Structure formats: C-alpha cells, structure tokens
C-alpha cells in the first residue's frame, strides 16, 4: 500500500477546481490498483486543499499517471492550481 498526498493551492475559481478534481477522481477510480481517496479543504484557507489517495502499489499509481488520458486531467488541474505531490508508505495506523 502507498499513499499519495498532494497539497493544492487553488489559483482559479474553487468551483472549477473542484469540478476538475472530481473528473480526475473518476479517472483514477477506474484504474487498476486504486483503493480510495479524499479531497479536503482547509478550514481557514479556502484556497488550500489536500488530496490523500491510497493505491495498492507504486507501480499501479505510476501506470495510471502515464496513461495518455491523464494528460488532459493534469492540464486542467494545473491551470487552476499549484501542487506539491509526494508518495508515502504507511508506518503506523490506529483507529478508535
């Protein structure tokens, strides 16, 4: 399992960013190895968003990014935001 965390700073209209993200989300959800994701917006900074996505493995994630269909999604998000993407592996997890 890997976790992809991407911090976005929205520079365009928030509604357009959220729509573009929703379309990108649907693309990723249809890819092999995708597990789940959440898009979160900062409580005090409406331009700050974080995407937390889980994938079965890094290879599945990279394969999805390399698909030609992803190019349009990437361009749409980049037109509306800047981002700081990184991959992480889980170390500890605890639930109530």
PDB file of N, CA and C in Angstrom:
ATOM      1  N   UNK A   1       0.852  -1.178   0.000  1.00  0.00           N
ATOM      2  CA  UNK A   1       0.000   0.000   0.000  1.00  0.00           C
ATOM      3  C   UNK A   1       0.893   1.235   0.000  1.00  0.00           C
ATOM      4  N   UNK A   2       0.540   2.216  -0.828  1.00  0.00           N
ATOM      5  CA  UNK A   2       1.197   3.513  -0.803  1.00  0.00           C
ATOM      6  C   UNK A   2       0.130   4.594  -0.668  1.00  0.00           C
ATOM      7  N   UNK A   3       0.546   5.722  -0.158  1.00  0.00           N
ATOM      8  CA  UNK A   3      -0.351   6.860  -0.011  1.00  0.00           C
ATOM      9  C   UNK A   3       0.232   8.029  -0.782  1.00  0.00           C
ATOM     10  N   UNK A   4      -0.591   8.601  -1.641  1.00  0.00           N
ATOM     11  CA  UNK A   4      -0.213   9.773  -2.410  1.00  0.00           C
ATOM     12  C   UNK A   4      -0.876  10.971  -1.752  1.00  0.00           C
ATOM     13  N   UNK A   5      -0.070  11.957  -1.360  1.00  0.00           N
ATOM     14  CA  UNK A   5      -0.599  13.166  -0.739  1.00  0.00           C
ATOM     15  C   UNK A   5      -0.195  14.343  -1.610  1.00  0.00           C
ATOM     16  N   UNK A   6      -1.184  15.117  -2.015  1.00  0.00           N
ATOM     17  CA  UNK A   6      -0.941  16.241  -2.906  1.00  0.00           C
ATOM     18  C   UNK A   6      -1.608  17.478  -2.318  1.00  0.00           C
ATOM     19  N   UNK A   7      -0.778  18.467  -1.949  1.00  0.00           N
ATOM     20  CA  UNK A   7      -1.288  19.752  -1.450  1.00  0.00           C
ATOM     21  C   UNK A   7      -1.506  20.676  -2.628  1.00  0.00           C
ATOM     22  N   UNK A   8      -2.707  21.202  -2.738  1.00  0.00           N
ATOM     23  CA  UNK A   8      -3.049  22.140  -3.805  1.00  0.00           C
ATOM     24  C   UNK A   8      -3.252  23.538  -3.232  1.00  0.00           C
ATOM     25  N   UNK A   9      -2.806  24.526  -3.963  1.00  0.00           N
ATOM     26  CA  UNK A   9      -3.176  25.915  -3.711  1.00  0.00           C
ATOM     27  C   UNK A   9      -3.952  26.356  -4.940  1.00  0.00           C
ATOM     28  N   UNK A  10      -5.221  26.608  -4.747  1.00  0.00           N
ATOM     29  CA  UNK A  10      -6.096  26.947  -5.870  1.00  0.00           C
ATOM     30  C   UNK A  10      -5.894  28.406  -6.246  1.00  0.00           C
ATOM     31  N   UNK A  11      -5.620  28.616  -7.533  1.00  0.00           N
ATOM     32  CA  UNK A  11      -5.381  29.962  -8.057  1.00  0.00           C
ATOM     33  C   UNK A  11      -6.517  30.438  -8.953  1.00  0.00           C
ATOM     34  N   UNK A  12      -7.402  29.522  -9.320  1.00  0.00           N
ATOM     35  CA  UNK A  12      -8.560  29.854 -10.143  1.00  0.00           C
ATOM     36  C   UNK A  12      -9.821  29.727  -9.309  1.00  0.00           C
ATOM     37  N   UNK A  13     -10.981  29.759  -9.955  1.00  0.00           N
ATOM     38  CA  UNK A  13     -12.243  29.599  -9.228  1.00  0.00           C
ATOM     39  C   UNK A  13     -12.323  28.224  -8.540  1.00  0.00           C
ATOM     40  N   UNK A  14     -12.670  28.231  -7.267  1.00  0.00           N
ATOM     41  CA  UNK A  14     -12.737  26.987  -6.493  1.00  0.00           C
ATOM     42  C   UNK A  14     -13.703  25.988  -7.111  1.00  0.00           C
ATOM     43  N   UNK A  15     -14.834  26.460  -7.611  1.00  0.00           N
ATOM     44  CA  UNK A  15     -15.831  25.559  -8.196  1.00  0.00           C
ATOM     45  C   UNK A  15     -15.254  24.833  -9.408  1.00  0.00           C
ATOM     46  N   UNK A  16     -14.492  25.541 -10.221  1.00  0.00           N
ATOM     47  CA  UNK A  16     -13.869  24.912 -11.393  1.00  0.00           C
ATOM     48  C   UNK A  16     -12.812  23.899 -10.973  1.00  0.00           C
ATOM     49  N   UNK A  17     -12.022  24.241  -9.959  1.00  0.00           N
ATOM     50  CA  UNK A  17     -11.023  23.295  -9.456  1.00  0.00           C
ATOM     51  C   UNK A  17     -11.699  22.028  -8.942  1.00  0.00           C
ATOM     52  N   UNK A  18     -12.745  22.197  -8.134  1.00  0.00           N
ATOM     53  CA  UNK A  18     -13.432  21.035  -7.567  1.00  0.00           C
ATOM     54  C   UNK A  18     -14.045  20.171  -8.667  1.00  0.00           C
ATOM     55  N   UNK A  19     -14.578  20.782  -9.711  1.00  0.00           N
ATOM     56  CA  UNK A  19     -15.129  20.021 -10.841  1.00  0.00           C
ATOM     57  C   UNK A  19     -14.015  19.268 -11.570  1.00  0.00           C
ATOM     58  N   UNK A  20     -12.905  19.947 -11.822  1.00  0.00           N
ATOM     59  CA  UNK A  20     -11.776  19.292 -12.493  1.00  0.00           C
ATOM     60  C   UNK A  20     -11.240  18.154 -11.644  1.00  0.00           C
ATOM     61  N   UNK A  21     -11.185  18.358 -10.331  1.00  0.00           N
ATOM     62  CA  UNK A  21     -10.716  17.297  -9.451  1.00  0.00           C
ATOM     63  C   UNK A  21     -11.682  16.119  -9.465  1.00  0.00           C
ATOM     64  N   UNK A  22     -12.972  16.404  -9.455  1.00  0.00           N
ATOM     65  CA  UNK A  22     -13.969  15.337  -9.497  1.00  0.00           C
ATOM     66  C   UNK A  22     -13.810  14.488 -10.763  1.00  0.00           C
ATOM     67  N   UNK A  23     -13.561  15.128 -11.880  1.00  0.00           N
ATOM     68  CA  UNK A  23     -13.361  14.395 -13.134  1.00  0.00           C
ATOM     69  C   UNK A  23     -12.067  13.578 -13.087  1.00  0.00           C
ATOM     70  N   UNK A  24     -11.030  14.141 -12.495  1.00  0.00           N
ATOM     71  CA  UNK A  24      -9.771  13.407 -12.333  1.00  0.00           C
ATOM     72  C   UNK A  24      -9.975  12.231 -11.384  1.00  0.00           C
ATOM     73  N   UNK A  25     -10.747  12.443 -10.346  1.00  0.00           N
ATOM     74  CA  UNK A  25     -11.044  11.378  -9.393  1.00  0.00           C
ATOM     75  C   UNK A  25     -11.733  10.198 -10.073  1.00  0.00           C
ATOM     76  N   UNK A  26     -12.688  10.498 -10.930  1.00  0.00           N
ATOM     77  CA  UNK A  26     -13.397   9.424 -11.648  1.00  0.00           C
ATOM     78  C   UNK A  26     -12.427   8.651 -12.547  1.00  0.00           C
ATOM     79  N   UNK A  27     -11.495   9.362 -13.175  1.00  0.00           N
ATOM     80  CA  UNK A  27     -10.485   8.697 -13.999  1.00  0.00           C
ATOM     81  C   UNK A  27      -9.662   7.736 -13.145  1.00  0.00           C
ATOM     82  N   UNK A  28      -9.139   8.227 -12.016  1.00  0.00           N
ATOM     83  CA  UNK A  28      -8.308   7.375 -11.165  1.00  0.00           C
ATOM     84  C   UNK A  28      -9.084   6.202 -10.577  1.00  0.00           C
ATOM     85  N   UNK A  29     -10.323   6.429 -10.192  1.00  0.00           N
ATOM     86  CA  UNK A  29     -11.124   5.361  -9.592  1.00  0.00           C
ATOM     87  C   UNK A  29     -11.303   4.175 -10.533  1.00  0.00           C
ATOM     88  N   UNK A  30     -11.205   4.422 -11.828  1.00  0.00           N
ATOM     89  CA  UNK A  30     -11.358   3.349 -12.821  1.00  0.00           C
ATOM     90  C   UNK A  30     -10.039   2.633 -13.126  1.00  0.00           C
ATOM     91  N   UNK A  31      -8.943   3.056 -12.500  1.00  0.00           N
ATOM     92  CA  UNK A  31      -7.638   2.475 -12.793  1.00  0.00           C
ATOM     93  C   UNK A  31      -7.331   1.299 -11.867  1.00  0.00           C
ATOM     94  N   UNK A  32      -6.671   0.271 -12.403  1.00  0.00           N
ATOM     95  CA  UNK A  32      -6.262  -0.858 -11.553  1.00  0.00           C
ATOM     96  C   UNK A  32      -5.325  -0.395 -10.440  1.00  0.00           C
ATOM     97  N   UNK A  33      -5.556  -0.886  -9.252  1.00  0.00           N
ATOM     98  CA  UNK A  33      -4.713  -0.568  -8.114  1.00  0.00           C
ATOM     99  C   UNK A  33      -5.200   0.589  -7.265  1.00  0.00           C
ATOM    100  N   UNK A  34      -6.166   1.354  -7.769  1.00  0.00           N
ATOM    101  CA  UNK A  34      -6.715   2.468  -6.988  1.00  0.00           C
ATOM    102  C   UNK A  34      -7.549   1.900  -5.846  1.00  0.00           C
ATOM    103  N   UNK A  35      -7.366   2.434  -4.644  1.00  0.00           N
ATOM    104  CA  UNK A  35      -8.124   1.965  -3.486  1.00  0.00           C
ATOM    105  C   UNK A  35      -9.171   2.998  -3.076  1.00  0.00           C
ATOM    106  N   UNK A  36      -8.714   4.226  -2.758  1.00  0.00           N
ATOM    107  CA  UNK A  36      -9.646   5.292  -2.343  1.00  0.00           C
ATOM    108  C   UNK A  36      -8.888   6.606  -2.240  1.00  0.00           C
ATOM    109  N   UNK A  37      -9.640   7.673  -2.151  1.00  0.00           N
ATOM    110  CA  UNK A  37      -9.030   8.977  -1.902  1.00  0.00           C
ATOM    111  C   UNK A  37     -10.036   9.892  -1.214  1.00  0.00           C
ATOM    112  N   UNK A  38      -9.477  10.979  -0.664  1.00  0.00           N
ATOM    113  CA  UNK A  38     -10.302  12.023  -0.082  1.00  0.00           C
ATOM    114  C   UNK A  38      -9.707  13.364  -0.485  1.00  0.00           C
ATOM    115  N   UNK A  39     -10.569  14.288  -0.855  1.00  0.00           N
ATOM    116  CA  UNK A  39     -10.154  15.661  -1.101  1.00  0.00           C
ATOM    117  C   UNK A  39     -10.651  16.486   0.078  1.00  0.00           C
ATOM    118  N   UNK A  40      -9.725  17.235   0.688  1.00  0.00           N
ATOM    119  CA  UNK A  40     -10.082  18.030   1.850  1.00  0.00           C
ATOM    120  C   UNK A  40      -9.714  19.486   1.607  1.00  0.00           C
ATOM    121  N   UNK A  41     -10.530  20.384   2.147  1.00  0.00           N
ATOM    122  CA  UNK A  41     -10.257  21.819   2.045  1.00  0.00           C
ATOM    123  C   UNK A  41      -9.927  22.348   3.435  1.00  0.00           C
ATOM    124  N   UNK A  42      -8.946  23.212   3.505  1.00  0.00           N
ATOM    125  CA  UNK A  42      -8.514  23.811   4.763  1.00  0.00           C
ATOM    126  C   UNK A  42      -9.671  24.590   5.382  1.00  0.00           C
ATOM    127  N   UNK A  43      -9.784  24.550   6.702  1.00  0.00           N
ATOM    128  CA  UNK A  43     -10.905  25.221   7.371  1.00  0.00           C
ATOM    129  C   UNK A  43     -10.772  26.737   7.396  1.00  0.00           C
ATOM    130  N   UNK A  44      -9.541  27.259   7.319  1.00  0.00           N
ATOM    131  CA  UNK A  44      -9.361  28.701   7.406  1.00  0.00           C
ATOM    132  C   UNK A  44      -8.789  29.325   6.139  1.00  0.00           C
ATOM    133  N   UNK A  45      -8.316  28.499   5.228  1.00  0.00           N
ATOM    134  CA  UNK A  45      -7.765  28.999   3.968  1.00  0.00           C
ATOM    135  C   UNK A  45      -8.503  28.309   2.822  1.00  0.00           C
ATOM    136  N   UNK A  46      -9.518  28.943   2.249  1.00  0.00           N
ATOM    137  CA  UNK A  46     -10.333  28.289   1.231  1.00  0.00           C
ATOM    138  C   UNK A  46      -9.591  27.965  -0.063  1.00  0.00           C
ATOM    139  N   UNK A  47      -8.362  28.451  -0.225  1.00  0.00           N
ATOM    140  CA  UNK A  47      -7.582  28.124  -1.424  1.00  0.00           C
ATOM    141  C   UNK A  47      -6.700  26.895  -1.209  1.00  0.00           C
ATOM    142  N   UNK A  48      -6.640  26.372   0.013  1.00  0.00           N
ATOM    143  CA  UNK A  48      -5.773  25.240   0.335  1.00  0.00           C
ATOM    144  C   UNK A  48      -6.575  23.939   0.383  1.00  0.00           C
ATOM    145  N   UNK A  49      -6.148  22.979  -0.427  1.00  0.00           N
ATOM    146  CA  UNK A  49      -6.780  21.658  -0.495  1.00  0.00           C
ATOM    147  C   UNK A  49      -5.702  20.589  -0.343  1.00  0.00           C
ATOM    148  N   UNK A  50      -6.115  19.423   0.125  1.00  0.00           N
ATOM    149  CA  UNK A  50      -5.215  18.274   0.205  1.00  0.00           C
ATOM    150  C   UNK A  50      -5.956  17.061  -0.336  1.00  0.00           C
ATOM    151  N   UNK A  51      -5.278  16.334  -1.212  1.00  0.00           N
ATOM    152  CA  UNK A  51      -5.781  15.065  -1.722  1.00  0.00           C
ATOM    153  C   UNK A  51      -4.965  13.959  -1.061  1.00  0.00           C
ATOM    154  N   UNK A  52      -5.644  13.003  -0.439  1.00  0.00           N
ATOM    155  CA  UNK A  52      -4.991  11.836   0.145  1.00  0.00           C
ATOM    156  C   UNK A  52      -5.559  10.617  -0.585  1.00  0.00           C
ATOM    157  N   UNK A  53      -4.686   9.940  -1.340  1.00  0.00           N
ATOM    158  CA  UNK A  53      -5.133   8.800  -2.142  1.00  0.00           C
ATOM    159  C   UNK A  53      -4.336   7.559  -1.770  1.00  0.00           C
ATOM    160  N   UNK A  54      -5.019   6.440  -1.697  1.00  0.00           N
ATOM    161  CA  UNK A  54      -4.358   5.170  -1.409  1.00  0.00           C
ATOM    162  C   UNK A  54      -4.382   4.299  -2.658  1.00  0.00           C
ATOM    163  N   UNK A  55      -3.251   3.686  -2.910  1.00  0.00           N
ATOM    164  CA  UNK A  55      -3.071   2.779  -4.048  1.00  0.00           C
ATOM    165  C   UNK A  55      -2.495   1.473  -3.534  1.00  0.00           C
ATOM    166  N   UNK A  56      -2.789   0.402  -4.250  1.00  0.00           N
ATOM    167  CA  UNK A  56      -2.269  -0.900  -3.843  1.00  0.00           C
ATOM    168  C   UNK A  56      -0.749  -0.933  -3.890  1.00  0.00           C
ATOM    169  N   UNK A  57      -0.165  -0.251  -4.887  1.00  0.00           N
ATOM    170  CA  UNK A  57       1.291  -0.234  -5.023  1.00  0.00           C
ATOM    171  C   UNK A  57       1.709   0.943  -5.900  1.00  0.00           C
ATOM    172  N   UNK A  58       2.990   1.263  -5.842  1.00  0.00           N
ATOM    173  CA  UNK A  58       3.504   2.393  -6.599  1.00  0.00           C
ATOM    174  C   UNK A  58       3.415   2.162  -8.104  1.00  0.00           C
ATOM    175  N   UNK A  59       3.612   0.936  -8.537  1.00  0.00           N
ATOM    176  CA  UNK A  59       3.544   0.637  -9.970  1.00  0.00           C
ATOM    177  C   UNK A  59       2.167   0.968 -10.547  1.00  0.00           C
ATOM    178  N   UNK A  60       1.108   0.612  -9.842  1.00  0.00           N
ATOM    179  CA  UNK A  60      -0.252   0.929 -10.305  1.00  0.00           C
ATOM    180  C   UNK A  60      -0.450   2.437 -10.403  1.00  0.00           C
ATOM    181  N   UNK A  61       0.027   3.157  -9.404  1.00  0.00           N
ATOM    182  CA  UNK A  61      -0.087   4.611  -9.396  1.00  0.00           C
ATOM    183  C   UNK A  61       0.650   5.218 -10.592  1.00  0.00           C
ATOM    184  N   UNK A  62       1.887   4.804 -10.791  1.00  0.00           N
ATOM    185  CA  UNK A  62       2.689   5.350 -11.893  1.00  0.00           C
ATOM    186  C   UNK A  62       2.097   4.984 -13.260  1.00  0.00           C
ATOM    187  N   UNK A  63       1.555   3.789 -13.379  1.00  0.00           N
ATOM    188  CA  UNK A  63       0.920   3.368 -14.636  1.00  0.00           C
ATOM    189  C   UNK A  63      -0.268   4.265 -14.948  1.00  0.00           C
ATOM    190  N   UNK A  64      -1.060   4.599 -13.933  1.00  0.00           N
ATOM    191  CA  UNK A  64      -2.211   5.489 -14.141  1.00  0.00           C
ATOM    192  C   UNK A  64      -1.748   6.869 -14.591  1.00  0.00           C
ATOM    193  N   UNK A  65      -0.679   7.381 -13.976  1.00  0.00           N
ATOM    194  CA  UNK A  65      -0.158   8.698 -14.360  1.00  0.00           C
ATOM    195  C   UNK A  65       0.371   8.710 -15.791  1.00  0.00           C
ATOM    196  N   UNK A  66       0.883   7.590 -16.248  1.00  0.00           N
ATOM    197  CA  UNK A  66       1.467   7.504 -17.589  1.00  0.00           C
ATOM    198  C   UNK A  66       0.440   7.309 -18.701  1.00  0.00           C
ATOM    199  N   UNK A  67      -0.802   7.046 -18.341  1.00  0.00           N
ATOM    200  CA  UNK A  67      -1.827   6.847 -19.368  1.00  0.00           C
ATOM    201  C   UNK A  67      -2.063   8.161 -20.123  1.00  0.00           C
ATOM    202  N   UNK A  68      -2.168   8.101 -21.446  1.00  0.00           N
ATOM    203  CA  UNK A  68      -2.372   9.323 -22.229  1.00  0.00           C
ATOM    204  C   UNK A  68      -3.628  10.093 -21.822  1.00  0.00           C
ATOM    205  N   UNK A  69      -4.641   9.406 -21.339  1.00  0.00           N
ATOM    206  CA  UNK A  69      -5.885  10.053 -20.947  1.00  0.00           C
ATOM    207  C   UNK A  69      -5.702  10.981 -19.747  1.00  0.00           C
ATOM    208  N   UNK A  70      -4.638  10.753 -18.966  1.00  0.00           N
ATOM    209  CA  UNK A  70      -4.414  11.579 -17.787  1.00  0.00           C
ATOM    210  C   UNK A  70      -3.907  12.973 -18.156  1.00  0.00           C
ATOM    211  N   UNK A  71      -3.328  13.131 -19.324  1.00  0.00           N
ATOM    212  CA  UNK A  71      -2.750  14.413 -19.736  1.00  0.00           C
ATOM    213  C   UNK A  71      -3.749  15.557 -19.622  1.00  0.00           C
ATOM    214  N   UNK A  72      -4.971  15.360 -20.074  1.00  0.00           N
ATOM    215  CA  UNK A  72      -5.987  16.420 -20.014  1.00  0.00           C
ATOM    216  C   UNK A  72      -6.362  16.746 -18.571  1.00  0.00           C
ATOM    217  N   UNK A  73      -6.433  15.730 -17.720  1.00  0.00           N
ATOM    218  CA  UNK A  73      -6.750  15.964 -16.303  1.00  0.00           C
ATOM    219  C   UNK A  73      -5.637  16.776 -15.638  1.00  0.00           C
ATOM    220  N   UNK A  74      -4.400  16.393 -15.906  1.00  0.00           N
ATOM    221  CA  UNK A  74      -3.255  17.112 -15.341  1.00  0.00           C
ATOM    222  C   UNK A  74      -3.287  18.583 -15.774  1.00  0.00           C
ATOM    223  N   UNK A  75      -3.535  18.819 -17.048  1.00  0.00           N
ATOM    224  CA  UNK A  75      -3.561  20.190 -17.573  1.00  0.00           C
ATOM    225  C   UNK A  75      -4.677  21.010 -16.932  1.00  0.00           C
ATOM    226  N   UNK A  76      -5.836  20.416 -16.754  1.00  0.00           N
ATOM    227  CA  UNK A  76      -6.967  21.136 -16.149  1.00  0.00           C
ATOM    228  C   UNK A  76      -6.651  21.545 -14.713  1.00  0.00           C
ATOM    229  N   UNK A  77      -6.064  20.640 -13.936  1.00  0.00           N
ATOM    230  CA  UNK A  77      -5.729  20.965 -12.552  1.00  0.00           C
ATOM    231  C   UNK A  77      -4.611  22.003 -12.477  1.00  0.00           C
ATOM    232  N   UNK A  78      -3.622  21.888 -13.345  1.00  0.00           N
ATOM    233  CA  UNK A  78      -2.509  22.848 -13.341  1.00  0.00           C
ATOM    234  C   UNK A  78      -2.957  24.244 -13.769  1.00  0.00           C
ATOM    235  N   UNK A  79      -3.987  24.329 -14.576  1.00  0.00           N
ATOM    236  CA  UNK A  79      -4.498  25.639 -14.985  1.00  0.00           C
ATOM    237  C   UNK A  79      -5.198  26.355 -13.839  1.00  0.00           C
ATOM    238  N   UNK A  80      -5.621  25.602 -12.828  1.00  0.00           N
ATOM    239  CA  UNK A  80      -6.403  26.162 -11.730  1.00  0.00           C
ATOM    240  C   UNK A  80      -5.682  26.158 -10.393  1.00  0.00           C
ATOM    241  N   UNK A  81      -4.488  25.546 -10.338  1.00  0.00           N
ATOM    242  CA  UNK A  81      -3.824  25.398  -9.047  1.00  0.00           C
ATOM    243  C   UNK A  81      -2.338  25.107  -9.203  1.00  0.00           C
ATOM    244  N   UNK A  82      -1.634  25.234  -8.096  1.00  0.00           N
ATOM    245  CA  UNK A  82      -0.281  24.711  -7.989  1.00  0.00           C
ATOM    246  C   UNK A  82      -0.364  23.541  -7.024  1.00  0.00           C
ATOM    247  N   UNK A  83       0.616  22.643  -7.074  1.00  0.00           N
ATOM    248  CA  UNK A  83       0.529  21.483  -6.194  1.00  0.00           C
ATOM    249  C   UNK A  83       1.897  21.030  -5.718  1.00  0.00           C
ATOM    250  N   UNK A  84       1.881  20.263  -4.640  1.00  0.00           N
ATOM    251  CA  UNK A  84       3.063  19.667  -4.036  1.00  0.00           C
ATOM    252  C   UNK A  84       2.784  18.183  -3.830  1.00  0.00           C
ATOM    253  N   UNK A  85       3.038  17.341  -4.849  1.00  0.00           N
ATOM    254  CA  UNK A  85       2.728  15.907  -4.748  1.00  0.00           C
ATOM    255  C   UNK A  85       3.880  15.102  -4.143  1.00  0.00           C
ATOM    256  N   UNK A  86       3.532  14.113  -3.322  1.00  0.00           N
ATOM    257  CA  UNK A  86       4.529  13.215  -2.729  1.00  0.00           C
ATOM    258  C   UNK A  86       3.908  11.849  -2.454  1.00  0.00           C
ATOM    259  N   UNK A  87       4.749  10.815  -2.476  1.00  0.00           N
ATOM    260  CA  UNK A  87       4.330   9.449  -2.141  1.00  0.00           C
ATOM    261  C   UNK A  87       4.844   9.077  -0.755  1.00  0.00           C
ATOM    262  N   UNK A  88       4.015   8.346  -0.013  1.00  0.00           N
ATOM    263  CA  UNK A  88       4.365   7.898   1.326  1.00  0.00           C
ATOM    264  C   UNK A  88       3.995   6.427   1.483  1.00  0.00           C
ATOM    265  N   UNK A  89       4.679   5.749   2.399  1.00  0.00           N
ATOM    266  CA  UNK A  89       4.297   4.393   2.772  1.00  0.00           C
ATOM    267  C   UNK A  89       3.798   4.443   4.208  1.00  0.00           C
ATOM    268  N   UNK A  90       2.754   3.699   4.528  1.00  0.00           N
ATOM    269  CA  UNK A  90       2.222   3.733   5.891  1.00  0.00           C
ATOM    270  C   UNK A  90       3.178   3.050   6.869  1.00  0.00           C
ATOM    271  N   UNK A  91       3.288   3.641   8.046  1.00  0.00           N
ATOM    272  CA  UNK A  91       4.103   3.054   9.101  1.00  0.00           C
ATOM    273  C   UNK A  91       3.241   2.604  10.274  1.00  0.00           C
ATOM    274  N   UNK A  92       2.376   3.498  10.743  1.00  0.00           N
ATOM    275  CA  UNK A  92       1.509   3.196  11.888  1.00  0.00           C
ATOM    276  C   UNK A  92       0.094   3.641  11.566  1.00  0.00           C
ATOM    277  N   UNK A  93      -0.842   2.922  12.115  1.00  0.00           N
ATOM    278  CA  UNK A  93      -2.247   3.327  11.981  1.00  0.00           C
ATOM    279  C   UNK A  93      -2.988   2.860  13.212  1.00  0.00           C
ATOM    280  N   UNK A  94      -3.849   3.703  13.725  1.00  0.00           N
ATOM    281  CA  UNK A  94      -4.639   3.353  14.895  1.00  0.00           C
ATOM    282  C   UNK A  94      -6.032   3.923  14.699  1.00  0.00           C
ATOM    283  N   UNK A  95      -7.027   3.190  15.062  1.00  0.00           N
ATOM    284  CA  UNK A  95      -8.413   3.646  14.997  1.00  0.00           C
ATOM    285  C   UNK A  95      -9.047   3.510  16.361  1.00  0.00           C
ATOM    286  N   UNK A  96     -10.063   4.329  16.590  1.00  0.00           N
ATOM    287  CA  UNK A  96     -10.792   4.271  17.859  1.00  0.00           C
ATOM    288  C   UNK A  96     -11.649   3.023  17.908  1.00  0.00           C
TER     289      UNK A  96
END
